[in-house]
């Protein structure tokens, strides 16, 4: 069955300056005015990376679906498209933190860091953020992936969620060299069920 939703992500550094410059030249009037207001170069690059990933995703998915959501954090960008409803997406690099303190602050009612604390925290946090961005209603659900040292969550209508598949990683057309980091080690990808809320 064809995908009813699309999810893609990329490292902004891997997109490359030429692609971001080309994206800037294609911005429409409101997008160009929004881009011009960014005082930070980092924030401007994130904005362009989100628009680049959205355009690439629409082409790959052959233009189905009108609603989209974009997220960027820590040098990464993610995009979700949906045939129906309003999608929500969030991406977070899984950096080391004091998960006992942070988890108790973010989820004071039921934080339990036993097991794999980075996956437990980032899984819940990205689902929370995707929930804020996505459409309301009991028919929406969240799904989370842990890949390349990032946590990616998407919120979609139930039927679209069933057909979203794994997130697609975008790379430079002329080649990609993976840079391994400390969060790529197997300790970060332990199995476990952290989908409860």
Protein backbone atom coordinates (compact mmCIF):
# COMPACT_ATOMS: atom_id res chain seq x y z
CA UNK A 1 0.00 0.00 0.00
CA UNK A 2 1.24 3.50 -0.81
CA UNK A 3 2.38 5.71 2.01
CA UNK A 4 -0.29 8.03 3.37
CA UNK A 5 2.33 10.11 5.15
CA UNK A 6 5.99 10.98 4.62
CA UNK A 7 8.73 11.63 7.15
CA UNK A 8 12.26 12.77 6.27
CA UNK A 9 15.24 14.19 8.14
CA UNK A 10 18.72 15.51 7.39
CA UNK A 11 21.79 16.93 9.04
CA UNK A 12 21.88 20.59 8.00
CA UNK A 13 25.65 20.47 7.39
CA UNK A 14 25.10 17.62 4.91
CA UNK A 15 22.63 19.66 2.85
CA UNK A 16 25.38 22.06 1.85
CA UNK A 17 25.59 25.80 1.22
CA UNK A 18 24.82 25.60 -2.55
CA UNK A 19 21.50 23.84 -1.87
CA UNK A 20 20.57 26.39 0.82
CA UNK A 21 21.46 29.30 -1.49
CA UNK A 22 19.31 27.80 -4.25
CA UNK A 23 16.44 27.39 -1.77
CA UNK A 24 16.75 31.04 -0.72
CA UNK A 25 16.30 32.12 -4.33
CA UNK A 26 13.03 30.14 -4.59
CA UNK A 27 11.36 31.59 -1.48
CA UNK A 28 7.96 33.18 -2.08
CA UNK A 29 7.16 36.71 -0.83
CA UNK A 30 6.00 35.89 2.74
CA UNK A 31 8.76 33.30 3.21
CA UNK A 32 11.39 35.74 1.93
CA UNK A 33 10.20 38.45 4.33
CA UNK A 34 10.30 35.96 7.21
CA UNK A 35 13.80 34.86 6.21
CA UNK A 36 14.98 38.50 6.07
CA UNK A 37 13.90 39.05 9.70
CA UNK A 38 16.25 36.43 11.16
CA UNK A 39 19.10 38.12 13.03
CA UNK A 40 20.95 34.85 13.61
CA UNK A 41 22.77 33.13 10.75
CA UNK A 42 22.14 29.76 12.41
CA UNK A 43 18.40 30.38 12.55
CA UNK A 44 18.36 31.52 8.91
CA UNK A 45 20.17 28.30 7.86
CA UNK A 46 17.66 26.20 9.82
CA UNK A 47 14.77 27.97 8.08
CA UNK A 48 16.28 27.37 4.62
CA UNK A 49 17.09 23.74 5.49
CA UNK A 50 13.47 23.18 6.49
CA UNK A 51 12.21 24.64 3.20
CA UNK A 52 14.78 22.59 1.23
CA UNK A 53 13.72 19.36 2.97
CA UNK A 54 10.03 20.17 2.44
CA UNK A 55 10.59 20.71 -1.31
CA UNK A 56 12.62 17.49 -1.65
CA UNK A 57 10.00 15.54 0.31
CA UNK A 58 7.14 16.84 -1.83
CA UNK A 59 8.99 15.83 -5.01
CA UNK A 60 9.84 12.38 -3.68
CA UNK A 61 6.30 11.83 -2.43
CA UNK A 62 4.94 13.15 -5.75
CA UNK A 63 3.08 16.09 -4.28
CA UNK A 64 0.44 14.19 -2.30
CA UNK A 65 -0.81 15.85 0.85
CA UNK A 66 -1.05 19.53 1.58
CA UNK A 67 -0.37 19.70 5.32
CA UNK A 68 3.20 19.66 6.60
CA UNK A 69 5.25 20.20 9.74
CA UNK A 70 8.93 21.13 10.06
CA UNK A 71 11.24 20.83 13.07
CA UNK A 72 14.91 21.69 13.56
CA UNK A 73 17.25 21.33 16.49
CA UNK A 74 20.98 21.05 17.09
CA UNK A 75 21.96 21.03 13.42
CA UNK A 76 19.20 18.63 12.32
CA UNK A 77 15.95 19.21 10.42
CA UNK A 78 12.87 16.99 9.99
CA UNK A 79 9.75 17.28 7.86
CA UNK A 80 6.40 15.42 7.95
CA UNK A 81 3.74 15.46 5.21
CA UNK A 82 0.25 13.99 5.50
CA UNK A 83 -2.57 13.26 3.07
CA UNK A 84 -5.12 14.17 5.74
CA UNK A 85 -5.10 16.15 8.95
CA UNK A 86 -2.34 18.29 10.42
CA UNK A 87 0.94 16.47 11.08
CA UNK A 88 3.33 17.29 13.89
CA UNK A 89 7.02 16.40 13.96
CA UNK A 90 9.90 16.97 16.35
CA UNK A 91 13.59 16.07 16.15
CA UNK A 92 16.17 16.28 18.96
CA UNK A 93 19.84 15.24 19.02
CA UNK A 94 20.33 12.84 21.92
CA UNK A 95 23.03 14.70 23.84
CA UNK A 96 24.15 13.71 27.33
CA UNK A 97 22.29 15.44 30.13
CA UNK A 98 21.39 15.02 33.79
CA UNK A 99 18.34 12.89 32.96
CA UNK A 100 17.31 12.38 36.59
CA UNK A 101 16.89 16.13 37.17
CA UNK A 102 15.62 16.99 33.69
CA UNK A 103 13.13 14.11 33.57
CA UNK A 104 11.72 14.96 37.00
CA UNK A 105 11.30 18.58 35.88
CA UNK A 106 9.72 17.79 32.48
CA UNK A 107 7.54 14.86 33.61
CA UNK A 108 7.00 15.42 37.36
CA UNK A 109 4.10 12.99 37.75
CA UNK A 110 5.65 9.76 36.52
CA UNK A 111 9.33 10.09 35.54
CA UNK A 112 11.26 6.87 36.00
CA UNK A 113 14.78 6.79 34.55
CA UNK A 114 15.41 3.10 35.06
CA UNK A 115 16.63 1.47 31.87
CA UNK A 116 17.81 3.57 28.96
CA UNK A 117 17.36 7.14 30.28
CA UNK A 118 18.32 8.97 27.03
CA UNK A 119 15.75 7.03 24.99
CA UNK A 120 13.13 7.35 27.70
CA UNK A 121 13.55 11.11 28.00
CA UNK A 122 14.00 12.02 24.33
CA UNK A 123 11.22 9.69 23.26
CA UNK A 124 8.75 11.34 25.61
CA UNK A 125 10.01 14.86 24.92
CA UNK A 126 9.80 14.59 21.13
CA UNK A 127 6.33 13.01 21.33
CA UNK A 128 5.23 15.90 23.54
CA UNK A 129 6.57 18.48 21.05
CA UNK A 130 5.02 16.65 18.08
CA UNK A 131 1.70 16.62 19.96
CA UNK A 132 1.87 20.42 20.36
CA UNK A 133 2.47 20.88 16.62
CA UNK A 134 0.06 18.23 15.32
CA UNK A 135 -3.68 18.18 14.99
CA UNK A 136 -5.97 17.68 17.99
CA UNK A 137 -8.26 14.78 18.61
CA UNK A 138 -8.33 11.20 19.87
CA UNK A 139 -7.68 9.77 16.38
CA UNK A 140 -4.12 11.14 16.39
CA UNK A 141 -1.20 9.04 17.60
CA UNK A 142 2.57 9.48 17.99
CA UNK A 143 5.39 7.28 16.82
CA UNK A 144 9.10 7.59 17.65
CA UNK A 145 12.33 6.50 15.96
CA UNK A 146 15.91 6.62 17.30
CA UNK A 147 18.39 6.82 14.44
CA UNK A 148 21.76 8.51 13.77
CA UNK A 149 21.91 9.77 17.37
CA UNK A 150 18.62 11.69 17.13
CA UNK A 151 15.08 11.07 18.34
CA UNK A 152 12.31 11.76 15.82
CA UNK A 153 8.63 11.71 16.72
CA UNK A 154 5.66 12.29 14.46
CA UNK A 155 1.97 12.87 15.31
CA UNK A 156 -0.49 11.89 12.59
CA UNK A 157 -4.07 10.73 12.14
CA UNK A 158 -4.18 7.04 13.01
CA UNK A 159 -4.55 5.71 9.45
CA UNK A 160 -1.69 7.85 8.13
CA UNK A 161 0.47 6.80 11.06
CA UNK A 162 -0.01 3.15 10.14
CA UNK A 163 1.43 3.83 6.69
CA UNK A 164 4.20 6.34 7.43
CA UNK A 165 7.07 3.82 7.35
CA UNK A 166 10.54 4.62 8.66
CA UNK A 167 11.92 8.15 8.28
CA UNK A 168 13.99 8.77 5.17
CA UNK A 169 17.48 10.21 5.60
CA UNK A 170 18.41 12.81 2.96
CA UNK A 171 22.02 13.02 1.86
CA UNK A 172 24.07 15.04 -0.56
CA UNK A 173 23.52 13.93 -4.13
CA UNK A 174 27.28 13.68 -4.69
CA UNK A 175 27.98 11.38 -1.77
CA UNK A 176 27.74 11.16 1.97
CA UNK A 177 30.26 10.25 4.63
CA UNK A 178 28.78 9.26 7.93
CA UNK A 179 30.45 10.83 10.94
CA UNK A 180 30.19 8.48 13.90
CA UNK A 181 29.61 10.07 17.28
CA UNK A 182 29.36 8.80 20.87
CA UNK A 183 25.58 8.44 20.58
CA UNK A 184 25.89 5.97 17.69
CA UNK A 185 27.16 3.27 20.01
CA UNK A 186 24.86 0.31 20.79
CA UNK A 187 24.20 1.57 24.34
CA UNK A 188 21.93 4.23 22.88
CA UNK A 189 19.82 1.79 20.89
CA UNK A 190 18.78 -0.67 23.58
CA UNK A 191 15.41 -2.21 23.01
CA UNK A 192 12.58 -1.37 25.37
CA UNK A 193 9.06 -0.05 25.46
CA UNK A 194 9.06 3.65 26.31
CA UNK A 195 5.88 4.46 24.41
CA UNK A 196 3.74 4.91 27.51
CA UNK A 197 2.67 8.38 28.56
